[in-house]
Amino acid sequence: MAEFVKVAKLSELEPGVAKAVEVSGKSIALFNVNGKIYATDNTCLHQGGPLGEGTLEGDIVTCPWHMWQYNVRTGENLEDSLLRLETYQVEIEGDDIKVAI
């Protein structure tokens, strides 16, 4: 069973913003889509770009290195639906953002 681990404060992640965090040795990207928080691997499947530093428009993040795009809700790559980032369950407790690891 997955354990929820506190990774950030909700107040640190404004709507439309992405942020990278380290959790249990994993780099995870957090995304605030209109007040709902999503979490995926922080590493782009193309050449390892940092998705937490990417541009978030709606529920689509664009990797800052080579412009690969992913849906942060599903982890799906927009060009090839067979390519998917790992996604993580998110829980909000007060101002705490917790991710299932």
C-alpha atoms as a PDB file:
ATOM      1  CA  MET A   1       0.000   0.000   0.000  1.00  0.00           C
ATOM      2  CA  ALA A   2       1.299   3.451  -0.911  1.00  0.00           C
ATOM      3  CA  GLU A   3       2.346   5.831   1.830  1.00  0.00           C
ATOM      4  CA  PHE A   4       1.452   9.521   1.484  1.00  0.00           C
ATOM      5  CA  VAL A   5       4.489  11.726   2.099  1.00  0.00           C
ATOM      6  CA  LYS A   6       4.395  15.503   2.614  1.00  0.00           C
ATOM      7  CA  VAL A   7       6.273  17.134  -0.260  1.00  0.00           C
ATOM      8  CA  ALA A   8       5.288  20.822  -0.270  1.00  0.00           C
ATOM      9  CA  LYS A   9       2.858  23.450   0.960  1.00  0.00           C
ATOM     10  CA  LEU A  10      -0.195  24.355  -1.113  1.00  0.00           C
ATOM     11  CA  SER A  11       0.675  28.015  -0.556  1.00  0.00           C
ATOM     12  CA  GLU A  12       3.970  27.429  -2.469  1.00  0.00           C
ATOM     13  CA  LEU A  13       2.198  26.283  -5.635  1.00  0.00           C
ATOM     14  CA  GLU A  14      -0.010  28.925  -7.249  1.00  0.00           C
ATOM     15  CA  PRO A  15      -2.459  27.932 -10.016  1.00  0.00           C
ATOM     16  CA  GLY A  16      -0.679  27.511 -13.351  1.00  0.00           C
ATOM     17  CA  VAL A  17       2.670  26.752 -11.688  1.00  0.00           C
ATOM     18  CA  ALA A  18       4.915  23.671 -11.788  1.00  0.00           C
ATOM     19  CA  LYS A  19       7.460  22.740  -9.121  1.00  0.00           C
ATOM     20  CA  ALA A  20       9.972  19.917  -8.700  1.00  0.00           C
ATOM     21  CA  VAL A  21      10.412  18.129  -5.367  1.00  0.00           C
ATOM     22  CA  GLU A  22      12.540  15.201  -4.155  1.00  0.00           C
ATOM     23  CA  VAL A  23      10.718  12.368  -2.401  1.00  0.00           C
ATOM     24  CA  SER A  24      12.291   9.109  -1.244  1.00  0.00           C
ATOM     25  CA  GLY A  25      15.054   9.464  -3.826  1.00  0.00           C
ATOM     26  CA  LYS A  26      12.630  10.290  -6.668  1.00  0.00           C
ATOM     27  CA  SER A  27      12.321  13.578  -8.504  1.00  0.00           C
ATOM     28  CA  ILE A  28       8.625  14.438  -8.821  1.00  0.00           C
ATOM     29  CA  ALA A  29       6.949  17.359 -10.574  1.00  0.00           C
ATOM     30  CA  LEU A  30       3.908  18.990  -8.985  1.00  0.00           C
ATOM     31  CA  PHE A  31       1.378  20.949 -11.040  1.00  0.00           C
ATOM     32  CA  ASN A  32      -1.452  23.231  -9.929  1.00  0.00           C
ATOM     33  CA  VAL A  33      -4.235  23.066 -12.525  1.00  0.00           C
ATOM     34  CA  ASN A  34      -6.958  25.501 -11.454  1.00  0.00           C
ATOM     35  CA  GLY A  35      -6.494  24.585  -7.787  1.00  0.00           C
ATOM     36  CA  LYS A  36      -6.175  20.811  -8.290  1.00  0.00           C
ATOM     37  CA  ILE A  37      -2.705  19.356  -7.718  1.00  0.00           C
ATOM     38  CA  TYR A  38      -1.214  16.648  -9.924  1.00  0.00           C
ATOM     39  CA  ALA A  39       2.107  14.808  -9.617  1.00  0.00           C
ATOM     40  CA  THR A  40       4.217  13.037 -12.258  1.00  0.00           C
ATOM     41  CA  ASP A  41       7.806  11.970 -12.711  1.00  0.00           C
ATOM     42  CA  ASN A  42       9.925  15.089 -13.126  1.00  0.00           C
ATOM     43  CA  THR A  43      11.965  13.561 -15.951  1.00  0.00           C
ATOM     44  CA  CYS A  44      10.922  14.003 -19.588  1.00  0.00           C
ATOM     45  CA  LEU A  45      10.923  10.730 -21.514  1.00  0.00           C
ATOM     46  CA  HIS A  46      12.800  12.326 -24.433  1.00  0.00           C
ATOM     47  CA  GLN A  47      16.173  13.328 -22.980  1.00  0.00           C
ATOM     48  CA  GLY A  48      15.518  13.742 -19.273  1.00  0.00           C
ATOM     49  CA  GLY A  49      14.486  17.388 -19.151  1.00  0.00           C
ATOM     50  CA  PRO A  50      13.101  18.737 -15.843  1.00  0.00           C
ATOM     51  CA  LEU A  51       9.310  18.949 -16.251  1.00  0.00           C
ATOM     52  CA  GLY A  52       8.963  20.845 -12.958  1.00  0.00           C
ATOM     53  CA  GLU A  53      10.730  23.728 -14.712  1.00  0.00           C
ATOM     54  CA  GLY A  54       8.434  23.486 -17.730  1.00  0.00           C
ATOM     55  CA  THR A  55       5.577  25.709 -18.824  1.00  0.00           C
ATOM     56  CA  LEU A  56       2.113  24.701 -17.611  1.00  0.00           C
ATOM     57  CA  GLU A  57      -0.864  25.730 -19.750  1.00  0.00           C
ATOM     58  CA  GLY A  58      -4.118  24.230 -18.537  1.00  0.00           C
ATOM     59  CA  ASP A  59      -3.296  20.583 -17.887  1.00  0.00           C
ATOM     60  CA  ILE A  60      -0.425  20.440 -20.415  1.00  0.00           C
ATOM     61  CA  VAL A  61       3.216  20.788 -19.384  1.00  0.00           C
ATOM     62  CA  THR A  62       5.885  21.563 -21.968  1.00  0.00           C
ATOM     63  CA  CYS A  63       9.405  20.347 -21.272  1.00  0.00           C
ATOM     64  CA  PRO A  64      11.845  23.288 -21.233  1.00  0.00           C
ATOM     65  CA  TRP A  65      14.525  21.371 -23.140  1.00  0.00           C
ATOM     66  CA  HIS A  66      12.898  20.137 -26.363  1.00  0.00           C
ATOM     67  CA  MET A  67       9.222  21.103 -26.048  1.00  0.00           C
ATOM     68  CA  TRP A  68       7.790  17.609 -25.536  1.00  0.00           C
ATOM     69  CA  GLN A  69       4.304  17.947 -24.065  1.00  0.00           C
ATOM     70  CA  TYR A  70       2.410  15.837 -21.540  1.00  0.00           C
ATOM     71  CA  ASN A  71      -1.028  15.845 -19.964  1.00  0.00           C
ATOM     72  CA  VAL A  72      -0.298  16.159 -16.231  1.00  0.00           C
ATOM     73  CA  ARG A  73      -3.576  14.427 -15.296  1.00  0.00           C
ATOM     74  CA  THR A  74      -2.721  11.211 -17.162  1.00  0.00           C
ATOM     75  CA  GLY A  75       1.028  11.451 -17.855  1.00  0.00           C
ATOM     76  CA  GLU A  76       0.300  10.866 -21.558  1.00  0.00           C
ATOM     77  CA  ASN A  77       2.607  12.347 -24.186  1.00  0.00           C
ATOM     78  CA  LEU A  78       0.598  14.454 -26.651  1.00  0.00           C
ATOM     79  CA  GLU A  79       2.426  13.134 -29.738  1.00  0.00           C
ATOM     80  CA  ASP A  80       2.523   9.440 -28.793  1.00  0.00           C
ATOM     81  CA  SER A  81      -0.118   8.090 -26.406  1.00  0.00           C
ATOM     82  CA  LEU A  82       2.002   4.984 -25.796  1.00  0.00           C
ATOM     83  CA  LEU A  83       4.543   7.170 -23.963  1.00  0.00           C
ATOM     84  CA  ARG A  84       3.416   7.948 -20.432  1.00  0.00           C
ATOM     85  CA  LEU A  85       5.009   9.488 -17.391  1.00  0.00           C
ATOM     86  CA  GLU A  86       4.430   7.788 -14.082  1.00  0.00           C
ATOM     87  CA  THR A  87       1.731   9.648 -12.162  1.00  0.00           C
ATOM     88  CA  TYR A  88       1.241   9.757  -8.409  1.00  0.00           C
ATOM     89  CA  GLN A  89      -1.821  10.095  -6.216  1.00  0.00           C
ATOM     90  CA  VAL A  90      -2.029  13.447  -4.433  1.00  0.00           C
ATOM     91  CA  GLU A  91      -3.724  14.242  -1.150  1.00  0.00           C
ATOM     92  CA  ILE A  92      -4.210  17.699   0.364  1.00  0.00           C
ATOM     93  CA  GLU A  93      -4.287  17.960   4.147  1.00  0.00           C
ATOM     94  CA  GLY A  94      -4.724  21.549   5.308  1.00  0.00           C
ATOM     95  CA  ASP A  95      -1.881  23.393   3.545  1.00  0.00           C
ATOM     96  CA  ASP A  96       0.180  20.222   3.047  1.00  0.00           C
ATOM     97  CA  ILE A  97       0.569  18.535  -0.343  1.00  0.00           C
ATOM     98  CA  LYS A  98       1.150  14.808   0.081  1.00  0.00           C
ATOM     99  CA  VAL A  99       2.116  12.346  -2.655  1.00  0.00           C
ATOM    100  CA  ALA A 100       1.653   8.561  -2.555  1.00  0.00           C
ATOM    101  CA  ILE A 101       5.008   6.809  -2.876  1.00  0.00           C
END
